[in-house]
Amino acid sequence: MSDTREGFATTDLCDAHPQVQTAEPIFRHFGGVRRFAGPAATAICLEDNSRVREAVGEPGKGRVLVVDGGGSVRCALLGDLLAEKAVSNGWAGVIVNGCVRDTARLGQLSLGILALAAHPRRSEKRGHGEREVGVRFAGVTFHPGDWVYADEDGLIVSGERLADAT
């Protein structure tokens, strides 16, 4: 289930739940939705978006795809075509520890997208990477199924769904 409506603020969630992990403020919003939440699905892929393509091609069920691209700023791991596929398959958002492209189109989509930067070069497609494993970046650890909450003030991660975020 996804919480893409105005029903939470990360500031309030941090106040009410001091145990949540708060990500370092390194991300920029690129999607048309700036407040999104859902259970995490994870992928690790360095300059190869094969696992991203695979994930967004599956039913998202309101989840947030968390992509550890190793912080690389040499190419984009998500563009308009994959983001459109994520929307049509019911993903709430995508968080990329790396770059995205086609940013004008991404901003028109009903999808939360956080990334480090924009880059015009597409990634390789070699089939490398892993899915549904723990990943760590921006000072937080994301495990598959953790709840991710993002808005204009930041990104937080909780091991469980926060009742006051509904």
C-alpha atoms as a PDB file:
ATOM      1  CA  MET A   1       0.000   0.000   0.000  1.00  0.00           C
ATOM      2  CA  SER A   2       1.252   3.475  -0.847  1.00  0.00           C
ATOM      3  CA  ASP A   3       0.826   6.712   1.076  1.00  0.00           C
ATOM      4  CA  THR A   4       1.090   9.205  -1.773  1.00  0.00           C
ATOM      5  CA  ARG A   5      -1.506  11.590  -0.384  1.00  0.00           C
ATOM      6  CA  GLU A   6      -0.876  14.514   1.950  1.00  0.00           C
ATOM      7  CA  GLY A   7      -1.305  12.319   5.071  1.00  0.00           C
ATOM      8  CA  PHE A   8       2.160  12.641   6.612  1.00  0.00           C
ATOM      9  CA  ALA A   9       5.116  14.948   7.058  1.00  0.00           C
ATOM     10  CA  THR A  10       8.591  13.574   7.675  1.00  0.00           C
ATOM     11  CA  THR A  11       9.148  16.299  10.285  1.00  0.00           C
ATOM     12  CA  ASP A  12       6.170  15.095  12.326  1.00  0.00           C
ATOM     13  CA  LEU A  13       7.175  11.453  11.893  1.00  0.00           C
ATOM     14  CA  CYS A  14      10.700  12.190  13.140  1.00  0.00           C
ATOM     15  CA  ASP A  15       9.293  14.012  16.179  1.00  0.00           C
ATOM     16  CA  ALA A  16       6.897  11.175  17.009  1.00  0.00           C
ATOM     17  CA  HIS A  17       9.343   8.362  16.205  1.00  0.00           C
ATOM     18  CA  PRO A  18      12.911   9.390  17.098  1.00  0.00           C
ATOM     19  CA  GLN A  19      14.130   5.861  16.304  1.00  0.00           C
ATOM     20  CA  VAL A  20      13.583   6.284  12.529  1.00  0.00           C
ATOM     21  CA  GLN A  21      16.617   6.625  10.299  1.00  0.00           C
ATOM     22  CA  THR A  22      16.985   9.987   8.591  1.00  0.00           C
ATOM     23  CA  ALA A  23      18.887  10.159   5.327  1.00  0.00           C
ATOM     24  CA  GLU A  24      21.559  12.746   4.702  1.00  0.00           C
ATOM     25  CA  PRO A  25      20.097  15.596   2.613  1.00  0.00           C
ATOM     26  CA  ILE A  26      21.818  14.711  -0.648  1.00  0.00           C
ATOM     27  CA  PHE A  27      18.823  14.051  -2.906  1.00  0.00           C
ATOM     28  CA  ARG A  28      16.871  16.224  -5.319  1.00  0.00           C
ATOM     29  CA  HIS A  29      13.237  15.710  -6.299  1.00  0.00           C
ATOM     30  CA  PHE A  30      12.712  14.914  -9.975  1.00  0.00           C
ATOM     31  CA  GLY A  31       9.239  13.319 -10.061  1.00  0.00           C
ATOM     32  CA  GLY A  32       5.815  14.880 -10.245  1.00  0.00           C
ATOM     33  CA  VAL A  33       5.038  13.640  -6.705  1.00  0.00           C
ATOM     34  CA  ARG A  34       7.050  15.217  -3.915  1.00  0.00           C
ATOM     35  CA  ARG A  35       5.484  13.327  -0.988  1.00  0.00           C
ATOM     36  CA  PHE A  36       5.467   9.546  -1.253  1.00  0.00           C
ATOM     37  CA  ALA A  37       5.833   6.463   0.899  1.00  0.00           C
ATOM     38  CA  GLY A  38       5.717   2.709   0.742  1.00  0.00           C
ATOM     39  CA  PRO A  39       7.584  -0.485   1.534  1.00  0.00           C
ATOM     40  CA  ALA A  40      11.063  -0.689   0.043  1.00  0.00           C
ATOM     41  CA  ALA A  41      12.155  -2.952  -2.771  1.00  0.00           C
ATOM     42  CA  THR A  42      15.905  -2.753  -3.367  1.00  0.00           C
ATOM     43  CA  ALA A  43      18.402  -3.050  -6.189  1.00  0.00           C
ATOM     44  CA  ILE A  44      22.160  -2.653  -6.465  1.00  0.00           C
ATOM     45  CA  CYS A  45      23.471  -1.697  -9.873  1.00  0.00           C
ATOM     46  CA  LEU A  46      26.573   0.255 -10.807  1.00  0.00           C
ATOM     47  CA  GLU A  47      26.180   2.019 -14.166  1.00  0.00           C
ATOM     48  CA  ASP A  48      23.910  -0.809 -15.377  1.00  0.00           C
ATOM     49  CA  ASN A  49      20.157  -0.337 -15.016  1.00  0.00           C
ATOM     50  CA  SER A  50      19.162  -3.915 -15.895  1.00  0.00           C
ATOM     51  CA  ARG A  51      17.847  -4.572 -12.377  1.00  0.00           C
ATOM     52  CA  VAL A  52      15.910  -1.274 -12.399  1.00  0.00           C
ATOM     53  CA  ARG A  53      14.253  -2.241 -15.690  1.00  0.00           C
ATOM     54  CA  GLU A  54      13.439  -5.670 -14.273  1.00  0.00           C
ATOM     55  CA  ALA A  55      11.906  -4.234 -11.078  1.00  0.00           C
ATOM     56  CA  VAL A  56       9.722  -1.525 -12.640  1.00  0.00           C
ATOM     57  CA  GLY A  57       8.426  -4.107 -15.107  1.00  0.00           C
ATOM     58  CA  GLU A  58       6.812  -5.960 -12.194  1.00  0.00           C
ATOM     59  CA  PRO A  59       3.759  -4.942 -10.156  1.00  0.00           C
ATOM     60  CA  GLY A  60       4.907  -2.243  -7.734  1.00  0.00           C
ATOM     61  CA  LYS A  61       1.961  -2.586  -5.335  1.00  0.00           C
ATOM     62  CA  GLY A  62       2.689   0.887  -3.927  1.00  0.00           C
ATOM     63  CA  ARG A  63       6.313   0.094  -3.118  1.00  0.00           C
ATOM     64  CA  VAL A  64       9.326   2.388  -3.391  1.00  0.00           C
ATOM     65  CA  LEU A  65      12.246   1.099  -5.448  1.00  0.00           C
ATOM     66  CA  VAL A  66      15.521   1.955  -3.697  1.00  0.00           C
ATOM     67  CA  VAL A  67      18.425   1.795  -6.147  1.00  0.00           C
ATOM     68  CA  ASP A  68      22.013   1.819  -4.950  1.00  0.00           C
ATOM     69  CA  GLY A  69      23.987   2.997  -7.945  1.00  0.00           C
ATOM     70  CA  GLY A  70      27.108   3.473  -5.840  1.00  0.00           C
ATOM     71  CA  GLY A  71      26.727   7.245  -6.015  1.00  0.00           C
ATOM     72  CA  SER A  72      28.001   7.208  -9.600  1.00  0.00           C
ATOM     73  CA  VAL A  73      27.416  10.410 -11.551  1.00  0.00           C
ATOM     74  CA  ARG A  74      28.751   9.017 -14.845  1.00  0.00           C
ATOM     75  CA  CYS A  75      25.371   7.937 -16.297  1.00  0.00           C
ATOM     76  CA  ALA A  76      21.649   7.773 -15.507  1.00  0.00           C
ATOM     77  CA  LEU A  77      19.970   4.692 -14.054  1.00  0.00           C
ATOM     78  CA  LEU A  78      16.387   5.913 -14.607  1.00  0.00           C
ATOM     79  CA  GLY A  79      14.838   7.806 -17.508  1.00  0.00           C
ATOM     80  CA  ASP A  80      11.378   8.600 -18.766  1.00  0.00           C
ATOM     81  CA  LEU A  81      10.618   5.193 -20.290  1.00  0.00           C
ATOM     82  CA  LEU A  82      11.406   3.229 -17.132  1.00  0.00           C
ATOM     83  CA  ALA A  83       9.669   5.835 -14.955  1.00  0.00           C
ATOM     84  CA  GLU A  84       6.538   5.599 -17.126  1.00  0.00           C
ATOM     85  CA  LYS A  85       6.679   1.813 -16.727  1.00  0.00           C
ATOM     86  CA  ALA A  86       6.938   2.278 -12.942  1.00  0.00           C
ATOM     87  CA  VAL A  87       3.823   4.481 -12.964  1.00  0.00           C
ATOM     88  CA  SER A  88       1.824   2.029 -15.076  1.00  0.00           C
ATOM     89  CA  ASN A  89       2.851  -0.845 -12.790  1.00  0.00           C
ATOM     90  CA  GLY A  90       1.855   0.887  -9.551  1.00  0.00           C
ATOM     91  CA  TRP A  91       5.156   1.968  -7.985  1.00  0.00           C
ATOM     92  CA  ALA A  92       4.910   4.868  -5.503  1.00  0.00           C
ATOM     93  CA  GLY A  93       8.462   6.089  -6.014  1.00  0.00           C
ATOM     94  CA  VAL A  94      12.071   5.476  -6.961  1.00  0.00           C
ATOM     95  CA  ILE A  95      15.102   6.602  -4.968  1.00  0.00           C
ATOM     96  CA  VAL A  96      18.384   6.518  -6.880  1.00  0.00           C
ATOM     97  CA  ASN A  97      21.817   6.791  -5.301  1.00  0.00           C
ATOM     98  CA  GLY A  98      22.990   7.974  -8.693  1.00  0.00           C
ATOM     99  CA  CYS A  99      21.549   9.926 -11.621  1.00  0.00           C
ATOM    100  CA  VAL A 100      18.369  10.174 -13.668  1.00  0.00           C
ATOM    101  CA  ARG A 101      17.686  11.666 -17.094  1.00  0.00           C
ATOM    102  CA  ASP A 102      14.759  13.031 -19.114  1.00  0.00           C
ATOM    103  CA  THR A 103      14.025  15.261 -16.152  1.00  0.00           C
ATOM    104  CA  ALA A 104      11.420  17.452 -17.870  1.00  0.00           C
ATOM    105  CA  ARG A 105       9.291  14.357 -18.494  1.00  0.00           C
ATOM    106  CA  LEU A 106       9.986  12.875 -15.041  1.00  0.00           C
ATOM    107  CA  GLY A 107       8.530  16.003 -13.462  1.00  0.00           C
ATOM    108  CA  GLN A 108       5.234  15.371 -15.264  1.00  0.00           C
ATOM    109  CA  LEU A 109       4.787  11.823 -13.981  1.00  0.00           C
ATOM    110  CA  SER A 110       2.729  10.759 -10.997  1.00  0.00           C
ATOM    111  CA  LEU A 111       5.760   9.193  -9.338  1.00  0.00           C
ATOM    112  CA  GLY A 112       8.040  10.236  -6.527  1.00  0.00           C
ATOM    113  CA  ILE A 113      11.656  10.318  -7.716  1.00  0.00           C
ATOM    114  CA  LEU A 114      14.701  11.243  -5.654  1.00  0.00           C
ATOM    115  CA  ALA A 115      18.216  11.141  -7.095  1.00  0.00           C
ATOM    116  CA  LEU A 116      21.596  12.794  -6.695  1.00  0.00           C
ATOM    117  CA  ALA A 117      21.639  14.599 -10.050  1.00  0.00           C
ATOM    118  CA  ALA A 118      20.652  14.525 -13.703  1.00  0.00           C
ATOM    119  CA  HIS A 119      22.921  13.128 -16.418  1.00  0.00           C
ATOM    120  CA  PRO A 120      22.177  12.794 -20.147  1.00  0.00           C
ATOM    121  CA  ARG A 121      24.089   9.520 -20.713  1.00  0.00           C
ATOM    122  CA  ARG A 122      22.166   6.246 -20.415  1.00  0.00           C
ATOM    123  CA  SER A 123      23.581   3.333 -18.476  1.00  0.00           C
ATOM    124  CA  GLU A 124      24.881   0.044 -19.786  1.00  0.00           C
ATOM    125  CA  LYS A 125      22.624  -2.996 -19.945  1.00  0.00           C
ATOM    126  CA  ARG A 126      24.796  -5.977 -19.081  1.00  0.00           C
ATOM    127  CA  GLY A 127      22.477  -7.779 -16.660  1.00  0.00           C
ATOM    128  CA  HIS A 128      24.663  -7.017 -13.639  1.00  0.00           C
ATOM    129  CA  GLY A 129      23.433  -6.247 -10.137  1.00  0.00           C
ATOM    130  CA  GLU A 130      21.330  -7.681  -7.349  1.00  0.00           C
ATOM    131  CA  ARG A 131      17.804  -7.275  -6.059  1.00  0.00           C
ATOM    132  CA  GLU A 132      16.082  -7.543  -2.693  1.00  0.00           C
ATOM    133  CA  VAL A 133      19.223  -7.193  -0.587  1.00  0.00           C
ATOM    134  CA  GLY A 134      20.052  -4.643   2.105  1.00  0.00           C
ATOM    135  CA  VAL A 135      21.659  -1.459   0.788  1.00  0.00           C
ATOM    136  CA  ARG A 136      23.311   1.420   2.614  1.00  0.00           C
ATOM    137  CA  PHE A 137      23.811   4.996   1.416  1.00  0.00           C
ATOM    138  CA  ALA A 138      23.082   8.538   2.606  1.00  0.00           C
ATOM    139  CA  GLY A 139      23.763   7.370   6.160  1.00  0.00           C
ATOM    140  CA  VAL A 140      20.821   4.934   6.294  1.00  0.00           C
ATOM    141  CA  THR A 141      20.264   1.248   5.620  1.00  0.00           C
ATOM    142  CA  PHE A 142      17.317   0.087   3.524  1.00  0.00           C
ATOM    143  CA  HIS A 143      16.095  -3.500   3.835  1.00  0.00           C
ATOM    144  CA  PRO A 144      13.419  -4.954   1.584  1.00  0.00           C
ATOM    145  CA  GLY A 145      10.080  -4.274   3.281  1.00  0.00           C
ATOM    146  CA  ASP A 146      11.286  -1.295   5.367  1.00  0.00           C
ATOM    147  CA  TRP A 147       8.952   1.682   5.112  1.00  0.00           C
ATOM    148  CA  VAL A 148      10.318   4.670   3.245  1.00  0.00           C
ATOM    149  CA  TYR A 149       8.797   8.145   3.653  1.00  0.00           C
ATOM    150  CA  ALA A 150       9.869  11.112   1.526  1.00  0.00           C
ATOM    151  CA  ASP A 151       8.665  14.686   1.230  1.00  0.00           C
ATOM    152  CA  GLU A 152      10.002  18.185   0.717  1.00  0.00           C
ATOM    153  CA  ASP A 153      11.880  18.038   4.039  1.00  0.00           C
ATOM    154  CA  GLY A 154      13.708  14.770   3.595  1.00  0.00           C
ATOM    155  CA  LEU A 155      13.779  11.012   3.539  1.00  0.00           C
ATOM    156  CA  ILE A 156      13.269   8.665   6.481  1.00  0.00           C
ATOM    157  CA  VAL A 157      13.300   4.891   6.871  1.00  0.00           C
ATOM    158  CA  SER A 158      11.442   2.781   9.424  1.00  0.00           C
ATOM    159  CA  GLY A 159      11.494  -0.959  10.045  1.00  0.00           C
ATOM    160  CA  GLU A 160       7.698  -0.835  10.253  1.00  0.00           C
ATOM    161  CA  ARG A 161       4.817   1.163   8.891  1.00  0.00           C
ATOM    162  CA  LEU A 162       4.225   4.218  11.052  1.00  0.00           C
ATOM    163  CA  ALA A 163       0.588   4.279  12.190  1.00  0.00           C
ATOM    164  CA  ASP A 164       0.383   8.077  12.282  1.00  0.00           C
ATOM    165  CA  ALA A 165       1.464   8.318   8.651  1.00  0.00           C
ATOM    166  CA  THR A 166      -1.859   7.125   7.270  1.00  0.00           C
END
